[in-house]
């Protein structure tokens, strides 16, 4: 998997390419640290280049989104594969219904 970070004026975008696997954890951790340190208001995780998703990566992705939201940073996933999109929308629906 290839991971690149792109800094913009108001956001940090992390782009993943290839198989989304267990290595997403350290990449998300690094991105969260960078977004927080540089005062980014948004962290975007771009999955447009993802060709395959290992199950373990979805939980890590959910945890990363939860962490950035606790830090006051807007966390979003762009171009998520259908399976990932479904899980993320179900989690957001669960969180929204409890608030």
PDB file of N, CA and C in Angstrom:
ATOM      1  N   UNK A   1       0.840  -1.170   0.000  1.00  0.00           N
ATOM      2  CA  UNK A   1       0.000   0.000   0.000  1.00  0.00           C
ATOM      3  C   UNK A   1       0.891   1.240   0.000  1.00  0.00           C
ATOM      4  N   UNK A   2       0.449   2.236  -0.748  1.00  0.00           N
ATOM      5  CA  UNK A   2       1.141   3.513  -0.808  1.00  0.00           C
ATOM      6  C   UNK A   2       0.305   4.554  -0.076  1.00  0.00           C
ATOM      7  N   UNK A   3       0.950   5.350   0.761  1.00  0.00           N
ATOM      8  CA  UNK A   3       0.257   6.369   1.546  1.00  0.00           C
ATOM      9  C   UNK A   3       0.973   7.694   1.340  1.00  0.00           C
ATOM     10  N   UNK A   4       0.204   8.718   0.964  1.00  0.00           N
ATOM     11  CA  UNK A   4       0.793  10.049   0.794  1.00  0.00           C
ATOM     12  C   UNK A   4      -0.046  11.071   1.549  1.00  0.00           C
ATOM     13  N   UNK A   5       0.627  12.067   2.114  1.00  0.00           N
ATOM     14  CA  UNK A   5      -0.047  13.151   2.814  1.00  0.00           C
ATOM     15  C   UNK A   5       0.049  14.405   1.964  1.00  0.00           C
ATOM     16  N   UNK A   6      -1.070  15.127   1.874  1.00  0.00           N
ATOM     17  CA  UNK A   6      -1.127  16.363   1.101  1.00  0.00           C
ATOM     18  C   UNK A   6      -1.700  17.453   1.990  1.00  0.00           C
ATOM     19  N   UNK A   7      -0.884  18.469   2.262  1.00  0.00           N
ATOM     20  CA  UNK A   7      -1.316  19.569   3.115  1.00  0.00           C
ATOM     21  C   UNK A   7      -1.912  20.676   2.261  1.00  0.00           C
ATOM     22  N   UNK A   8      -3.070  21.153   2.661  1.00  0.00           N
ATOM     23  CA  UNK A   8      -3.728  22.277   2.030  1.00  0.00           C
ATOM     24  C   UNK A   8      -3.922  23.341   3.101  1.00  0.00           C
ATOM     25  N   UNK A   9      -4.409  24.485   2.720  1.00  0.00           N
ATOM     26  CA  UNK A   9      -4.559  25.594   3.666  1.00  0.00           C
ATOM     27  C   UNK A   9      -5.413  25.219   4.875  1.00  0.00           C
ATOM     28  N   UNK A  10      -6.515  24.527   4.646  1.00  0.00           N
ATOM     29  CA  UNK A  10      -7.454  24.247   5.725  1.00  0.00           C
ATOM     30  C   UNK A  10      -7.599  22.773   6.071  1.00  0.00           C
ATOM     31  N   UNK A  11      -6.796  21.904   5.447  1.00  0.00           N
ATOM     32  CA  UNK A  11      -6.996  20.475   5.688  1.00  0.00           C
ATOM     33  C   UNK A  11      -5.740  19.673   5.343  1.00  0.00           C
ATOM     34  N   UNK A  12      -5.743  18.472   5.878  1.00  0.00           N
ATOM     35  CA  UNK A  12      -4.735  17.477   5.529  1.00  0.00           C
ATOM     36  C   UNK A  12      -5.482  16.338   4.859  1.00  0.00           C
ATOM     37  N   UNK A  13      -5.035  15.957   3.679  1.00  0.00           N
ATOM     38  CA  UNK A  13      -5.640  14.825   2.972  1.00  0.00           C
ATOM     39  C   UNK A  13      -4.614  13.701   2.891  1.00  0.00           C
ATOM     40  N   UNK A  14      -5.024  12.525   3.343  1.00  0.00           N
ATOM     41  CA  UNK A  14      -4.165  11.352   3.286  1.00  0.00           C
ATOM     42  C   UNK A  14      -4.742  10.423   2.220  1.00  0.00           C
ATOM     43  N   UNK A  15      -3.925  10.086   1.243  1.00  0.00           N
ATOM     44  CA  UNK A  15      -4.380   9.245   0.135  1.00  0.00           C
ATOM     45  C   UNK A  15      -3.768   7.852   0.236  1.00  0.00           C
ATOM     46  N   UNK A  16      -4.650   6.860   0.164  1.00  0.00           N
ATOM     47  CA  UNK A  16      -4.235   5.463   0.221  1.00  0.00           C
ATOM     48  C   UNK A  16      -4.384   4.852  -1.165  1.00  0.00           C
ATOM     49  N   UNK A  17      -3.415   4.030  -1.537  1.00  0.00           N
ATOM     50  CA  UNK A  17      -3.453   3.378  -2.841  1.00  0.00           C
ATOM     51  C   UNK A  17      -3.038   1.920  -2.665  1.00  0.00           C
ATOM     52  N   UNK A  18      -3.823   1.003  -3.240  1.00  0.00           N
ATOM     53  CA  UNK A  18      -3.520  -0.424  -3.136  1.00  0.00           C
ATOM     54  C   UNK A  18      -4.452  -1.100  -2.148  1.00  0.00           C
ATOM     55  N   UNK A  19      -3.939  -2.116  -1.467  1.00  0.00           N
ATOM     56  CA  UNK A  19      -4.734  -2.877  -0.501  1.00  0.00           C
ATOM     57  C   UNK A  19      -4.734  -2.172   0.851  1.00  0.00           C
ATOM     58  N   UNK A  20      -5.929  -1.892   1.355  1.00  0.00           N
ATOM     59  CA  UNK A  20      -6.073  -1.299   2.676  1.00  0.00           C
ATOM     60  C   UNK A  20      -5.926  -2.428   3.692  1.00  0.00           C
ATOM     61  N   UNK A  21      -4.824  -2.422   4.432  1.00  0.00           N
ATOM     62  CA  UNK A  21      -4.534  -3.531   5.337  1.00  0.00           C
ATOM     63  C   UNK A  21      -4.133  -3.014   6.718  1.00  0.00           C
ATOM     64  N   UNK A  22      -3.495  -3.856   7.497  1.00  0.00           N
ATOM     65  CA  UNK A  22      -3.118  -3.506   8.868  1.00  0.00           C
ATOM     66  C   UNK A  22      -2.182  -2.302   8.957  1.00  0.00           C
ATOM     67  N   UNK A  23      -1.509  -1.958   7.886  1.00  0.00           N
ATOM     68  CA  UNK A  23      -0.579  -0.830   7.926  1.00  0.00           C
ATOM     69  C   UNK A  23      -1.292   0.514   7.966  1.00  0.00           C
ATOM     70  N   UNK A  24      -2.613   0.502   7.876  1.00  0.00           N
ATOM     71  CA  UNK A  24      -3.361   1.755   7.966  1.00  0.00           C
ATOM     72  C   UNK A  24      -3.233   2.375   9.362  1.00  0.00           C
ATOM     73  N   UNK A  25      -3.026   1.551  10.379  1.00  0.00           N
ATOM     74  CA  UNK A  25      -2.930   2.046  11.756  1.00  0.00           C
ATOM     75  C   UNK A  25      -1.844   3.091  11.950  1.00  0.00           C
ATOM     76  N   UNK A  26      -0.598   2.753  11.674  1.00  0.00           N
ATOM     77  CA  UNK A  26       0.467   3.746  11.832  1.00  0.00           C
ATOM     78  C   UNK A  26       0.285   4.965  10.926  1.00  0.00           C
ATOM     79  N   UNK A  27      -0.256   4.762   9.733  1.00  0.00           N
ATOM     80  CA  UNK A  27      -0.483   5.882   8.817  1.00  0.00           C
ATOM     81  C   UNK A  27      -1.529   6.837   9.371  1.00  0.00           C
ATOM     82  N   UNK A  28      -2.600   6.297   9.929  1.00  0.00           N
ATOM     83  CA  UNK A  28      -3.640   7.133  10.529  1.00  0.00           C
ATOM     84  C   UNK A  28      -3.105   7.855  11.761  1.00  0.00           C
ATOM     85  N   UNK A  29      -2.335   7.149  12.567  1.00  0.00           N
ATOM     86  CA  UNK A  29      -1.756   7.767  13.761  1.00  0.00           C
ATOM     87  C   UNK A  29      -0.869   8.953  13.379  1.00  0.00           C
ATOM     88  N   UNK A  30      -0.033   8.762  12.377  1.00  0.00           N
ATOM     89  CA  UNK A  30       0.856   9.827  11.907  1.00  0.00           C
ATOM     90  C   UNK A  30       0.038  11.008  11.358  1.00  0.00           C
ATOM     91  N   UNK A  31      -1.007  10.707  10.590  1.00  0.00           N
ATOM     92  CA  UNK A  31      -1.848  11.762  10.016  1.00  0.00           C
ATOM     93  C   UNK A  31      -2.565  12.555  11.108  1.00  0.00           C
ATOM     94  N   UNK A  32      -3.045  11.860  12.128  1.00  0.00           N
ATOM     95  CA  UNK A  32      -3.722  12.539  13.238  1.00  0.00           C
ATOM     96  C   UNK A  32      -2.745  13.460  13.963  1.00  0.00           C
ATOM     97  N   UNK A  33      -1.546  12.968  14.213  1.00  0.00           N
ATOM     98  CA  UNK A  33      -0.519  13.806  14.865  1.00  0.00           C
ATOM     99  C   UNK A  33      -0.223  15.040  14.024  1.00  0.00           C
ATOM    100  N   UNK A  34      -0.059  14.860  12.709  1.00  0.00           N
ATOM    101  CA  UNK A  34       0.256  15.983  11.820  1.00  0.00           C
ATOM    102  C   UNK A  34      -0.901  16.979  11.753  1.00  0.00           C
ATOM    103  N   UNK A  35      -2.115  16.481  11.619  1.00  0.00           N
ATOM    104  CA  UNK A  35      -3.276  17.376  11.551  1.00  0.00           C
ATOM    105  C   UNK A  35      -3.398  18.188  12.834  1.00  0.00           C
ATOM    106  N   UNK A  36      -3.207  17.542  13.959  1.00  0.00           N
ATOM    107  CA  UNK A  36      -3.309  18.221  15.257  1.00  0.00           C
ATOM    108  C   UNK A  36      -2.170  19.231  15.429  1.00  0.00           C
ATOM    109  N   UNK A  37      -0.955  18.829  15.105  1.00  0.00           N
ATOM    110  CA  UNK A  37       0.215  19.692  15.292  1.00  0.00           C
ATOM    111  C   UNK A  37       0.168  20.939  14.405  1.00  0.00           C
ATOM    112  N   UNK A  38      -0.351  20.789  13.180  1.00  0.00           N
ATOM    113  CA  UNK A  38      -0.366  21.911  12.249  1.00  0.00           C
ATOM    114  C   UNK A  38      -1.681  22.697  12.288  1.00  0.00           C
ATOM    115  N   UNK A  39      -2.553  22.340  13.219  1.00  0.00           N
ATOM    116  CA  UNK A  39      -3.792  23.091  13.391  1.00  0.00           C
ATOM    117  C   UNK A  39      -4.810  22.887  12.281  1.00  0.00           C
ATOM    118  N   UNK A  40      -4.741  21.765  11.605  1.00  0.00           N
ATOM    119  CA  UNK A  40      -5.705  21.494  10.536  1.00  0.00           C
ATOM    120  C   UNK A  40      -7.098  21.338  11.132  1.00  0.00           C
ATOM    121  N   UNK A  41      -8.071  21.895  10.463  1.00  0.00           N
ATOM    122  CA  UNK A  41      -9.462  21.793  10.920  1.00  0.00           C
ATOM    123  C   UNK A  41     -10.139  20.553  10.353  1.00  0.00           C
ATOM    124  N   UNK A  42      -9.553  19.975   9.290  1.00  0.00           N
ATOM    125  CA  UNK A  42     -10.143  18.795   8.667  1.00  0.00           C
ATOM    126  C   UNK A  42      -9.042  17.792   8.311  1.00  0.00           C
ATOM    127  N   UNK A  43      -9.388  16.541   8.495  1.00  0.00           N
ATOM    128  CA  UNK A  43      -8.541  15.441   8.053  1.00  0.00           C
ATOM    129  C   UNK A  43      -9.381  14.600   7.113  1.00  0.00           C
ATOM    130  N   UNK A  44      -8.939  14.515   5.871  1.00  0.00           N
ATOM    131  CA  UNK A  44      -9.658  13.733   4.876  1.00  0.00           C
ATOM    132  C   UNK A  44      -8.842  12.496   4.539  1.00  0.00           C
ATOM    133  N   UNK A  45      -9.508  11.356   4.606  1.00  0.00           N
ATOM    134  CA  UNK A  45      -8.875  10.088   4.240  1.00  0.00           C
ATOM    135  C   UNK A  45      -9.447   9.695   2.889  1.00  0.00           C
ATOM    136  N   UNK A  46      -8.601   9.736   1.877  1.00  0.00           N
ATOM    137  CA  UNK A  46      -9.035   9.502   0.505  1.00  0.00           C
ATOM    138  C   UNK A  46      -8.714   8.057   0.117  1.00  0.00           C
ATOM    139  N   UNK A  47      -9.757   7.281  -0.153  1.00  0.00           N
ATOM    140  CA  UNK A  47      -9.594   5.870  -0.497  1.00  0.00           C
ATOM    141  C   UNK A  47      -9.820   5.599  -1.987  1.00  0.00           C
ATOM    142  N   UNK A  48      -9.733   6.631  -2.820  1.00  0.00           N
ATOM    143  CA  UNK A  48      -9.994   6.475  -4.257  1.00  0.00           C
ATOM    144  C   UNK A  48      -9.065   5.452  -4.898  1.00  0.00           C
ATOM    145  N   UNK A  49      -7.848   5.337  -4.414  1.00  0.00           N
ATOM    146  CA  UNK A  49      -6.882   4.421  -4.999  1.00  0.00           C
ATOM    147  C   UNK A  49      -6.873   3.028  -4.388  1.00  0.00           C
ATOM    148  N   UNK A  50      -7.815   2.760  -3.484  1.00  0.00           N
ATOM    149  CA  UNK A  50      -7.853   1.463  -2.803  1.00  0.00           C
ATOM    150  C   UNK A  50      -8.474   0.412  -3.725  1.00  0.00           C
ATOM    151  N   UNK A  51      -7.773  -0.697  -3.872  1.00  0.00           N
ATOM    152  CA  UNK A  51      -8.237  -1.777  -4.753  1.00  0.00           C
ATOM    153  C   UNK A  51      -8.837  -2.945  -3.978  1.00  0.00           C
ATOM    154  N   UNK A  52      -8.461  -3.071  -2.712  1.00  0.00           N
ATOM    155  CA  UNK A  52      -8.943  -4.170  -1.883  1.00  0.00           C
ATOM    156  C   UNK A  52      -8.928  -3.725  -0.429  1.00  0.00           C
ATOM    157  N   UNK A  53      -9.863  -4.253   0.371  1.00  0.00           N
ATOM    158  CA  UNK A  53      -9.966  -3.871   1.784  1.00  0.00           C
ATOM    159  C   UNK A  53      -9.904  -5.114   2.655  1.00  0.00           C
ATOM    160  N   UNK A  54      -8.910  -5.175   3.545  1.00  0.00           N
ATOM    161  CA  UNK A  54      -8.853  -6.242   4.538  1.00  0.00           C
ATOM    162  C   UNK A  54      -9.714  -5.808   5.726  1.00  0.00           C
ATOM    163  N   UNK A  55     -10.432  -6.741   6.302  1.00  0.00           N
ATOM    164  CA  UNK A  55     -11.394  -6.432   7.365  1.00  0.00           C
ATOM    165  C   UNK A  55     -10.775  -5.686   8.534  1.00  0.00           C
ATOM    166  N   UNK A  56      -9.572  -6.046   8.908  1.00  0.00           N
ATOM    167  CA  UNK A  56      -8.935  -5.428  10.069  1.00  0.00           C
ATOM    168  C   UNK A  56      -8.772  -3.918   9.884  1.00  0.00           C
ATOM    169  N   UNK A  57      -8.652  -3.459   8.673  1.00  0.00           N
ATOM    170  CA  UNK A  57      -8.426  -2.035   8.422  1.00  0.00           C
ATOM    171  C   UNK A  57      -9.664  -1.188   8.695  1.00  0.00           C
ATOM    172  N   UNK A  58     -10.849  -1.769   8.586  1.00  0.00           N
ATOM    173  CA  UNK A  58     -12.077  -1.003   8.785  1.00  0.00           C
ATOM    174  C   UNK A  58     -12.209  -0.558  10.246  1.00  0.00           C
ATOM    175  N   UNK A  59     -11.915  -1.437  11.169  1.00  0.00           N
ATOM    176  CA  UNK A  59     -11.957  -1.083  12.585  1.00  0.00           C
ATOM    177  C   UNK A  59     -10.955   0.007  12.914  1.00  0.00           C
ATOM    178  N   UNK A  60      -9.778  -0.090  12.350  1.00  0.00           N
ATOM    179  CA  UNK A  60      -8.740   0.914  12.579  1.00  0.00           C
ATOM    180  C   UNK A  60      -9.172   2.260  12.015  1.00  0.00           C
ATOM    181  N   UNK A  61      -9.796   2.236  10.862  1.00  0.00           N
ATOM    182  CA  UNK A  61     -10.290   3.463  10.241  1.00  0.00           C
ATOM    183  C   UNK A  61     -11.363   4.116  11.118  1.00  0.00           C
ATOM    184  N   UNK A  62     -12.260   3.321  11.645  1.00  0.00           N
ATOM    185  CA  UNK A  62     -13.307   3.832  12.548  1.00  0.00           C
ATOM    186  C   UNK A  62     -12.699   4.465  13.789  1.00  0.00           C
ATOM    187  N   UNK A  63     -11.704   3.808  14.361  1.00  0.00           N
ATOM    188  CA  UNK A  63     -11.046   4.336  15.550  1.00  0.00           C
ATOM    189  C   UNK A  63     -10.342   5.661  15.242  1.00  0.00           C
ATOM    190  N   UNK A  64      -9.719   5.750  14.074  1.00  0.00           N
ATOM    191  CA  UNK A  64      -9.036   6.988  13.675  1.00  0.00           C
ATOM    192  C   UNK A  64     -10.036   8.138  13.553  1.00  0.00           C
ATOM    193  N   UNK A  65     -11.181   7.874  12.944  1.00  0.00           N
ATOM    194  CA  UNK A  65     -12.207   8.917  12.811  1.00  0.00           C
ATOM    195  C   UNK A  65     -12.726   9.361  14.175  1.00  0.00           C
ATOM    196  N   UNK A  66     -12.916   8.412  15.055  1.00  0.00           N
ATOM    197  CA  UNK A  66     -13.365   8.727  16.419  1.00  0.00           C
ATOM    198  C   UNK A  66     -12.327   9.612  17.125  1.00  0.00           C
ATOM    199  N   UNK A  67     -11.067   9.277  16.971  1.00  0.00           N
ATOM    200  CA  UNK A  67      -9.987  10.022  17.622  1.00  0.00           C
ATOM    201  C   UNK A  67      -9.923  11.459  17.127  1.00  0.00           C
ATOM    202  N   UNK A  68      -9.984  11.667  15.811  1.00  0.00           N
ATOM    203  CA  UNK A  68      -9.890  13.042  15.298  1.00  0.00           C
ATOM    204  C   UNK A  68     -11.093  13.870  15.744  1.00  0.00           C
ATOM    205  N   UNK A  69     -12.241  13.254  15.818  1.00  0.00           N
ATOM    206  CA  UNK A  69     -13.436  13.991  16.260  1.00  0.00           C
ATOM    207  C   UNK A  69     -13.293  14.405  17.717  1.00  0.00           C
ATOM    208  N   UNK A  70     -12.677  13.567  18.532  1.00  0.00           N
ATOM    209  CA  UNK A  70     -12.447  13.926  19.936  1.00  0.00           C
ATOM    210  C   UNK A  70     -11.458  15.083  20.060  1.00  0.00           C
ATOM    211  N   UNK A  71     -10.584  15.229  19.076  1.00  0.00           N
ATOM    212  CA  UNK A  71      -9.616  16.332  19.081  1.00  0.00           C
ATOM    213  C   UNK A  71     -10.199  17.606  18.483  1.00  0.00           C
ATOM    214  N   UNK A  72     -11.452  17.557  18.050  1.00  0.00           N
ATOM    215  CA  UNK A  72     -12.088  18.735  17.463  1.00  0.00           C
ATOM    216  C   UNK A  72     -11.763  18.936  16.003  1.00  0.00           C
ATOM    217  N   UNK A  73     -11.296  17.889  15.353  1.00  0.00           N
ATOM    218  CA  UNK A  73     -10.963  17.942  13.932  1.00  0.00           C
ATOM    219  C   UNK A  73     -12.049  17.191  13.166  1.00  0.00           C
ATOM    220  N   UNK A  74     -12.511  17.779  12.075  1.00  0.00           N
ATOM    221  CA  UNK A  74     -13.508  17.110  11.247  1.00  0.00           C
ATOM    222  C   UNK A  74     -12.818  15.996  10.458  1.00  0.00           C
ATOM    223  N   UNK A  75     -13.254  14.765  10.669  1.00  0.00           N
ATOM    224  CA  UNK A  75     -12.683  13.626   9.960  1.00  0.00           C
ATOM    225  C   UNK A  75     -13.658  13.082   8.940  1.00  0.00           C
ATOM    226  N   UNK A  76     -13.217  12.967   7.700  1.00  0.00           N
ATOM    227  CA  UNK A  76     -14.081  12.432   6.651  1.00  0.00           C
ATOM    228  C   UNK A  76     -13.317  11.419   5.802  1.00  0.00           C
ATOM    229  N   UNK A  77     -14.082  10.531   5.199  1.00  0.00           N
ATOM    230  CA  UNK A  77     -13.516   9.536   4.284  1.00  0.00           C
ATOM    231  C   UNK A  77     -14.050   9.832   2.893  1.00  0.00           C
ATOM    232  N   UNK A  78     -13.146   9.974   1.944  1.00  0.00           N
ATOM    233  CA  UNK A  78     -13.526  10.242   0.561  1.00  0.00           C
ATOM    234  C   UNK A  78     -13.393   8.979  -0.274  1.00  0.00           C
ATOM    235  N   UNK A  79     -14.311   8.785  -1.182  1.00  0.00           N
ATOM    236  CA  UNK A  79     -14.262   7.694  -2.162  1.00  0.00           C
ATOM    237  C   UNK A  79     -14.116   6.312  -1.518  1.00  0.00           C
ATOM    238  N   UNK A  80     -14.861   6.094  -0.449  1.00  0.00           N
ATOM    239  CA  UNK A  80     -14.794   4.801   0.237  1.00  0.00           C
ATOM    240  C   UNK A  80     -15.440   3.710  -0.602  1.00  0.00           C
ATOM    241  N   UNK A  81     -14.829   2.515  -0.645  1.00  0.00           N
ATOM    242  CA  UNK A  81     -15.482   1.375  -1.300  1.00  0.00           C
ATOM    243  C   UNK A  81     -16.824   1.115  -0.623  1.00  0.00           C
ATOM    244  N   UNK A  82     -17.740   0.505  -1.335  1.00  0.00           N
ATOM    245  CA  UNK A  82     -19.098   0.292  -0.839  1.00  0.00           C
ATOM    246  C   UNK A  82     -19.140  -0.365   0.533  1.00  0.00           C
ATOM    247  N   UNK A  83     -18.357  -1.407   0.744  1.00  0.00           N
ATOM    248  CA  UNK A  83     -18.374  -2.110   2.030  1.00  0.00           C
ATOM    249  C   UNK A  83     -17.962  -1.183   3.173  1.00  0.00           C
ATOM    250  N   UNK A  84     -16.952  -0.381   2.958  1.00  0.00           N
ATOM    251  CA  UNK A  84     -16.478   0.552   3.985  1.00  0.00           C
ATOM    252  C   UNK A  84     -17.520   1.648   4.204  1.00  0.00           C
ATOM    253  N   UNK A  85     -18.090   2.147   3.121  1.00  0.00           N
ATOM    254  CA  UNK A  85     -19.102   3.192   3.195  1.00  0.00           C
ATOM    255  C   UNK A  85     -20.307   2.734   4.019  1.00  0.00           C
ATOM    256  N   UNK A  86     -20.739   1.514   3.804  1.00  0.00           N
ATOM    257  CA  UNK A  86     -21.881   0.962   4.533  1.00  0.00           C
ATOM    258  C   UNK A  86     -21.596   0.904   6.027  1.00  0.00           C
ATOM    259  N   UNK A  87     -20.444   0.400   6.388  1.00  0.00           N
ATOM    260  CA  UNK A  87     -20.083   0.279   7.809  1.00  0.00           C
ATOM    261  C   UNK A  87     -19.966   1.654   8.456  1.00  0.00           C
ATOM    262  N   UNK A  88     -19.314   2.586   7.785  1.00  0.00           N
ATOM    263  CA  UNK A  88     -19.160   3.921   8.356  1.00  0.00           C
ATOM    264  C   UNK A  88     -20.505   4.622   8.525  1.00  0.00           C
ATOM    265  N   UNK A  89     -21.404   4.460   7.570  1.00  0.00           N
ATOM    266  CA  UNK A  89     -22.713   5.110   7.688  1.00  0.00           C
ATOM    267  C   UNK A  89     -23.533   4.487   8.818  1.00  0.00           C
ATOM    268  N   UNK A  90     -23.402   3.175   9.022  1.00  0.00           N
ATOM    269  CA  UNK A  90     -24.112   2.519  10.126  1.00  0.00           C
ATOM    270  C   UNK A  90     -23.570   2.989  11.473  1.00  0.00           C
ATOM    271  N   UNK A  91     -22.271   3.169  11.569  1.00  0.00           N
ATOM    272  CA  UNK A  91     -21.674   3.645  12.823  1.00  0.00           C
ATOM    273  C   UNK A  91     -22.112   5.076  13.096  1.00  0.00           C
ATOM    274  N   UNK A  92     -22.076   5.939  12.067  1.00  0.00           N
ATOM    275  CA  UNK A  92     -22.518   7.323  12.244  1.00  0.00           C
ATOM    276  C   UNK A  92     -23.984   7.380  12.659  1.00  0.00           C
ATOM    277  N   UNK A  93     -24.816   6.521  12.091  1.00  0.00           N
ATOM    278  CA  UNK A  93     -26.238   6.489  12.452  1.00  0.00           C
ATOM    279  C   UNK A  93     -26.397   6.084  13.912  1.00  0.00           C
ATOM    280  N   UNK A  94     -25.592   5.150  14.375  1.00  0.00           N
ATOM    281  CA  UNK A  94     -25.644   4.710  15.761  1.00  0.00           C
ATOM    282  C   UNK A  94     -25.212   5.819  16.694  1.00  0.00           C
ATOM    283  N   UNK A  95     -24.159   6.503  16.347  1.00  0.00           N
ATOM    284  CA  UNK A  95     -23.667   7.606  17.184  1.00  0.00           C
ATOM    285  C   UNK A  95     -24.680   8.730  17.199  1.00  0.00           C
ATOM    286  N   UNK A  96     -25.232   9.094  16.053  1.00  0.00           N
ATOM    287  CA  UNK A  96     -26.202  10.178  15.980  1.00  0.00           C
ATOM    288  C   UNK A  96     -27.452   9.877  16.788  1.00  0.00           C
ATOM    289  N   UNK A  97     -27.891   8.646  16.783  1.00  0.00           N
ATOM    290  CA  UNK A  97     -29.118   8.307  17.505  1.00  0.00           C
ATOM    291  C   UNK A  97     -28.928   8.329  19.019  1.00  0.00           C
ATOM    292  N   UNK A  98     -27.691   8.239  19.490  1.00  0.00           N
ATOM    293  CA  UNK A  98     -27.436   8.246  20.934  1.00  0.00           C
ATOM    294  C   UNK A  98     -27.163   9.638  21.450  1.00  0.00           C
ATOM    295  N   UNK A  99     -26.906  10.590  20.575  1.00  0.00           N
ATOM    296  CA  UNK A  99     -26.592  11.963  21.005  1.00  0.00           C
ATOM    297  C   UNK A  99     -27.852  12.753  21.281  1.00  0.00           C
TER     298      UNK A  99
END
